[in-house]
C-alpha cells in the first residue's frame, strides 16, 4: 500500500512540466522591469552585475561591501567590476554619495550574493529605497530623491579605512 500511495503521489505531469520551466534566479526579469520603468538619468546598482552586461550592455555601480579582489580591477583610479564595468560601491558613505549625486537609483539585491554585504548595509538600502519588484531570489529597490528618505547607519569602525 505504501508503494501504491507513492506511485499515485508522483504527479508525473508536474515533473515533466518542470523540465520546460526555468527555475533560475530572476535577474533578467528584474533588469527588464528596470528597463521598462527607467527614466533618463537613472542609475543601476547591483550585487550581481553579469546579467546587466547582457541587458544594458553594462552597469553603473557594483555593490560589494565585503570586497573580493578577483571580481574588480583598478582603472583610472576607480575600482571597476570585471563583467559590466560598474564602479565599486563598498561602503555606506559611497552609497550616500550616490544618493546625493543622482536623483534615482535602482538597487538590485539577491540572496545568493548576500555574503557581499552585511545585514546592516542591506537594511540601510531597503529603508532608504522602496521595493518595487521582487523576483525569485531577490528584490529591486528604487531610491528616489524626491521622496526624501535616507536611512542612517552609524560608523561602527573596524573597516579598512577606519582611523
C-alpha atoms as a PDB file:
ATOM      1  CA  UNK A   1       0.000   0.000   0.000  1.00  0.00           C
ATOM      2  CA  UNK A   2       2.880   2.373   0.670  1.00  0.00           C
ATOM      3  CA  UNK A   3       4.245   1.697  -2.822  1.00  0.00           C
ATOM      4  CA  UNK A   4       0.837   2.359  -4.355  1.00  0.00           C
ATOM      5  CA  UNK A   5       0.483   5.622  -2.409  1.00  0.00           C
ATOM      6  CA  UNK A   6       3.929   6.746  -3.598  1.00  0.00           C
ATOM      7  CA  UNK A   7       3.053   5.955  -7.225  1.00  0.00           C
ATOM      8  CA  UNK A   8      -0.240   7.855  -7.016  1.00  0.00           C
ATOM      9  CA  UNK A   9       1.501  10.841  -5.438  1.00  0.00           C
ATOM     10  CA  UNK A  10       4.240  11.108  -8.098  1.00  0.00           C
ATOM     11  CA  UNK A  11       2.448  13.827 -10.067  1.00  0.00           C
ATOM     12  CA  UNK A  12       4.215  12.873 -13.276  1.00  0.00           C
ATOM     13  CA  UNK A  13       2.745  15.767 -15.351  1.00  0.00           C
ATOM     14  CA  UNK A  14       4.301  18.275 -12.923  1.00  0.00           C
ATOM     15  CA  UNK A  15       7.661  16.523 -13.103  1.00  0.00           C
ATOM     16  CA  UNK A  16       7.599  16.557 -16.916  1.00  0.00           C
ATOM     17  CA  UNK A  17       6.496  20.214 -16.938  1.00  0.00           C
ATOM     18  CA  UNK A  18       9.339  21.196 -14.609  1.00  0.00           C
ATOM     19  CA  UNK A  19      11.846  20.404 -17.359  1.00  0.00           C
ATOM     20  CA  UNK A  20      10.217  23.047 -19.560  1.00  0.00           C
ATOM     21  CA  UNK A  21      10.059  25.832 -16.965  1.00  0.00           C
ATOM     22  CA  UNK A  22      13.102  27.859 -15.927  1.00  0.00           C
ATOM     23  CA  UNK A  23      13.983  27.705 -12.251  1.00  0.00           C
ATOM     24  CA  UNK A  24      16.854  30.162 -12.334  1.00  0.00           C
ATOM     25  CA  UNK A  25      17.108  33.380 -10.399  1.00  0.00           C
ATOM     26  CA  UNK A  26      15.084  36.168 -11.955  1.00  0.00           C
ATOM     27  CA  UNK A  27      17.828  38.691 -12.663  1.00  0.00           C
ATOM     28  CA  UNK A  28      16.682  39.037 -16.241  1.00  0.00           C
ATOM     29  CA  UNK A  29      13.116  39.792 -15.145  1.00  0.00           C
ATOM     30  CA  UNK A  30      14.440  42.310 -12.600  1.00  0.00           C
ATOM     31  CA  UNK A  31      16.518  44.069 -15.248  1.00  0.00           C
ATOM     32  CA  UNK A  32      13.633  44.021 -17.720  1.00  0.00           C
ATOM     33  CA  UNK A  33      11.451  45.618 -15.044  1.00  0.00           C
ATOM     34  CA  UNK A  34      14.046  48.351 -14.519  1.00  0.00           C
ATOM     35  CA  UNK A  35      14.351  48.838 -18.276  1.00  0.00           C
ATOM     36  CA  UNK A  36      10.577  49.289 -18.507  1.00  0.00           C
ATOM     37  CA  UNK A  37      10.404  51.957 -15.768  1.00  0.00           C
ATOM     38  CA  UNK A  38      13.851  53.535 -16.062  1.00  0.00           C
ATOM     39  CA  UNK A  39      13.914  57.279 -16.638  1.00  0.00           C
ATOM     40  CA  UNK A  40      16.690  59.347 -18.228  1.00  0.00           C
ATOM     41  CA  UNK A  41      19.416  59.887 -15.637  1.00  0.00           C
ATOM     42  CA  UNK A  42      18.500  56.819 -13.560  1.00  0.00           C
ATOM     43  CA  UNK A  43      21.455  54.719 -12.424  1.00  0.00           C
ATOM     44  CA  UNK A  44      21.581  50.996 -11.649  1.00  0.00           C
ATOM     45  CA  UNK A  45      23.412  49.395  -8.711  1.00  0.00           C
ATOM     46  CA  UNK A  46      23.669  45.613  -8.370  1.00  0.00           C
ATOM     47  CA  UNK A  47      25.396  42.938  -6.320  1.00  0.00           C
ATOM     48  CA  UNK A  48      25.333  40.727  -9.437  1.00  0.00           C
ATOM     49  CA  UNK A  49      26.498  42.734 -12.479  1.00  0.00           C
ATOM     50  CA  UNK A  50      26.843  39.992 -15.104  1.00  0.00           C
ATOM     51  CA  UNK A  51      23.180  39.914 -16.252  1.00  0.00           C
ATOM     52  CA  UNK A  52      23.222  43.718 -16.547  1.00  0.00           C
ATOM     53  CA  UNK A  53      26.078  43.404 -19.025  1.00  0.00           C
ATOM     54  CA  UNK A  54      23.699  41.396 -21.211  1.00  0.00           C
ATOM     55  CA  UNK A  55      20.539  43.507 -20.806  1.00  0.00           C
ATOM     56  CA  UNK A  56      22.005  47.032 -20.579  1.00  0.00           C
ATOM     57  CA  UNK A  57      25.469  46.495 -22.042  1.00  0.00           C
ATOM     58  CA  UNK A  58      26.926  47.431 -18.643  1.00  0.00           C
ATOM     59  CA  UNK A  59      26.034  48.697 -15.208  1.00  0.00           C
ATOM     60  CA  UNK A  60      26.666  51.954 -13.391  1.00  0.00           C
ATOM     61  CA  UNK A  61      27.663  50.673  -9.949  1.00  0.00           C
ATOM     62  CA  UNK A  62      28.661  47.354  -8.406  1.00  0.00           C
ATOM     63  CA  UNK A  63      27.597  46.874  -4.775  1.00  0.00           C
ATOM     64  CA  UNK A  64      30.072  44.782  -2.787  1.00  0.00           C
ATOM     65  CA  UNK A  65      30.768  45.782   0.807  1.00  0.00           C
ATOM     66  CA  UNK A  66      32.901  42.730   1.598  1.00  0.00           C
ATOM     67  CA  UNK A  67      35.379  43.097  -1.260  1.00  0.00           C
ATOM     68  CA  UNK A  68      36.522  40.043  -3.208  1.00  0.00           C
ATOM     69  CA  UNK A  69      39.569  41.193  -5.134  1.00  0.00           C
ATOM     70  CA  UNK A  70      39.199  38.743  -8.023  1.00  0.00           C
ATOM     71  CA  UNK A  71      35.987  40.499  -9.112  1.00  0.00           C
ATOM     72  CA  UNK A  72      37.350  44.027  -9.542  1.00  0.00           C
ATOM     73  CA  UNK A  73      40.260  45.853 -11.129  1.00  0.00           C
ATOM     74  CA  UNK A  74      41.700  49.369 -10.947  1.00  0.00           C
ATOM     75  CA  UNK A  75      41.030  51.706 -13.876  1.00  0.00           C
ATOM     76  CA  UNK A  76      41.506  55.489 -13.823  1.00  0.00           C
ATOM     77  CA  UNK A  77      41.827  55.432 -10.004  1.00  0.00           C
ATOM     78  CA  UNK A  78      38.470  53.651  -9.660  1.00  0.00           C
ATOM     79  CA  UNK A  79      37.679  50.069  -8.750  1.00  0.00           C
ATOM     80  CA  UNK A  80      35.600  48.562 -11.561  1.00  0.00           C
ATOM     81  CA  UNK A  81      33.835  45.193 -11.783  1.00  0.00           C
ATOM     82  CA  UNK A  82      35.171  42.818 -14.424  1.00  0.00           C
ATOM     83  CA  UNK A  83      31.887  41.912 -16.112  1.00  0.00           C
ATOM     84  CA  UNK A  84      29.767  45.012 -16.576  1.00  0.00           C
ATOM     85  CA  UNK A  85      32.128  47.930 -15.908  1.00  0.00           C
ATOM     86  CA  UNK A  86      30.335  49.149 -12.781  1.00  0.00           C
ATOM     87  CA  UNK A  87      32.194  51.327 -10.295  1.00  0.00           C
ATOM     88  CA  UNK A  88      32.581  49.667  -6.899  1.00  0.00           C
ATOM     89  CA  UNK A  89      30.324  50.830  -4.046  1.00  0.00           C
ATOM     90  CA  UNK A  90      31.744  49.221  -0.914  1.00  0.00           C
ATOM     91  CA  UNK A  91      30.763  51.482   1.978  1.00  0.00           C
ATOM     92  CA  UNK A  92      27.616  53.201   3.240  1.00  0.00           C
ATOM     93  CA  UNK A  93      29.359  56.546   2.635  1.00  0.00           C
ATOM     94  CA  UNK A  94      29.847  55.633  -1.035  1.00  0.00           C
ATOM     95  CA  UNK A  95      26.146  54.859  -1.301  1.00  0.00           C
ATOM     96  CA  UNK A  96      25.212  58.125   0.430  1.00  0.00           C
ATOM     97  CA  UNK A  97      27.346  59.994  -2.118  1.00  0.00           C
ATOM     98  CA  UNK A  98      25.377  58.299  -4.893  1.00  0.00           C
ATOM     99  CA  UNK A  99      22.115  59.278  -3.191  1.00  0.00           C
ATOM    100  CA  UNK A 100      23.264  62.910  -3.236  1.00  0.00           C
ATOM    101  CA  UNK A 101      24.653  62.760  -6.784  1.00  0.00           C
ATOM    102  CA  UNK A 102      21.742  61.037  -8.560  1.00  0.00           C
ATOM    103  CA  UNK A 103      18.025  61.666  -8.357  1.00  0.00           C
ATOM    104  CA  UNK A 104      17.068  57.986  -8.773  1.00  0.00           C
ATOM    105  CA  UNK A 105      18.940  54.739  -8.126  1.00  0.00           C
ATOM    106  CA  UNK A 106      17.698  51.244  -8.904  1.00  0.00           C
ATOM    107  CA  UNK A 107      19.332  48.803  -6.464  1.00  0.00           C
ATOM    108  CA  UNK A 108      19.245  45.044  -7.078  1.00  0.00           C
ATOM    109  CA  UNK A 109      19.850  42.731  -4.114  1.00  0.00           C
ATOM    110  CA  UNK A 110      19.794  38.951  -4.265  1.00  0.00           C
ATOM    111  CA  UNK A 111      20.084  36.104  -1.779  1.00  0.00           C
ATOM    112  CA  UNK A 112      22.955  34.105  -3.354  1.00  0.00           C
ATOM    113  CA  UNK A 113      25.139  37.232  -3.315  1.00  0.00           C
ATOM    114  CA  UNK A 114      24.095  38.093   0.257  1.00  0.00           C
ATOM    115  CA  UNK A 115      27.601  37.463   1.565  1.00  0.00           C
ATOM    116  CA  UNK A 116      28.850  40.531  -0.340  1.00  0.00           C
ATOM    117  CA  UNK A 117      27.049  42.935   2.016  1.00  0.00           C
ATOM    118  CA  UNK A 118      26.346  42.995   5.731  1.00  0.00           C
ATOM    119  CA  UNK A 119      22.795  42.824   7.017  1.00  0.00           C
ATOM    120  CA  UNK A 120      23.082  46.418   8.322  1.00  0.00           C
ATOM    121  CA  UNK A 121      24.049  47.667   4.853  1.00  0.00           C
ATOM    122  CA  UNK A 122      21.099  45.833   3.257  1.00  0.00           C
ATOM    123  CA  UNK A 123      18.733  47.304   5.832  1.00  0.00           C
ATOM    124  CA  UNK A 124      20.060  50.796   5.075  1.00  0.00           C
ATOM    125  CA  UNK A 125      19.302  50.239   1.384  1.00  0.00           C
ATOM    126  CA  UNK A 126      15.826  48.829   1.985  1.00  0.00           C
ATOM    127  CA  UNK A 127      14.925  51.586   4.476  1.00  0.00           C
ATOM    128  CA  UNK A 128      16.130  54.306   2.104  1.00  0.00           C
ATOM    129  CA  UNK A 129      14.526  52.896  -1.015  1.00  0.00           C
ATOM    130  CA  UNK A 130      11.175  51.393  -1.859  1.00  0.00           C
ATOM    131  CA  UNK A 131      10.955  47.768  -3.003  1.00  0.00           C
ATOM    132  CA  UNK A 132       9.374  47.989  -6.448  1.00  0.00           C
ATOM    133  CA  UNK A 133       9.847  44.452  -7.721  1.00  0.00           C
ATOM    134  CA  UNK A 134      10.553  41.045  -6.206  1.00  0.00           C
ATOM    135  CA  UNK A 135      11.926  38.151  -8.196  1.00  0.00           C
ATOM    136  CA  UNK A 136      12.917  34.592  -7.395  1.00  0.00           C
ATOM    137  CA  UNK A 137      15.921  35.128  -5.150  1.00  0.00           C
ATOM    138  CA  UNK A 138      15.937  38.896  -4.754  1.00  0.00           C
ATOM    139  CA  UNK A 139      14.471  42.386  -4.748  1.00  0.00           C
ATOM    140  CA  UNK A 140      14.690  45.592  -6.743  1.00  0.00           C
ATOM    141  CA  UNK A 141      14.554  48.781  -4.686  1.00  0.00           C
ATOM    142  CA  UNK A 142      14.176  52.274  -6.105  1.00  0.00           C
ATOM    143  CA  UNK A 143      15.712  55.171  -4.239  1.00  0.00           C
ATOM    144  CA  UNK A 144      14.038  58.388  -5.340  1.00  0.00           C
ATOM    145  CA  UNK A 145      15.466  61.695  -4.121  1.00  0.00           C
ATOM    146  CA  UNK A 146      12.032  63.332  -4.301  1.00  0.00           C
ATOM    147  CA  UNK A 147      10.805  61.008  -1.528  1.00  0.00           C
ATOM    148  CA  UNK A 148      13.452  62.457   0.786  1.00  0.00           C
ATOM    149  CA  UNK A 149      14.138  59.155   2.545  1.00  0.00           C
ATOM    150  CA  UNK A 150      17.701  58.473   3.650  1.00  0.00           C
ATOM    151  CA  UNK A 151      18.300  55.878   6.344  1.00  0.00           C
ATOM    152  CA  UNK A 152      21.267  56.362   8.624  1.00  0.00           C
ATOM    153  CA  UNK A 153      23.893  53.817   9.517  1.00  0.00           C
ATOM    154  CA  UNK A 154      26.420  54.567  12.248  1.00  0.00           C
ATOM    155  CA  UNK A 155      30.123  54.001  11.626  1.00  0.00           C
ATOM    156  CA  UNK A 156      30.961  51.048  13.835  1.00  0.00           C
ATOM    157  CA  UNK A 157      34.648  51.166  12.906  1.00  0.00           C
ATOM    158  CA  UNK A 158      36.783  48.169  12.157  1.00  0.00           C
ATOM    159  CA  UNK A 159      36.803  48.544   8.394  1.00  0.00           C
ATOM    160  CA  UNK A 160      39.899  49.033   6.287  1.00  0.00           C
ATOM    161  CA  UNK A 161      39.583  52.804   6.211  1.00  0.00           C
ATOM    162  CA  UNK A 162      38.839  53.277   9.934  1.00  0.00           C
ATOM    163  CA  UNK A 163      41.178  55.519  11.867  1.00  0.00           C
END
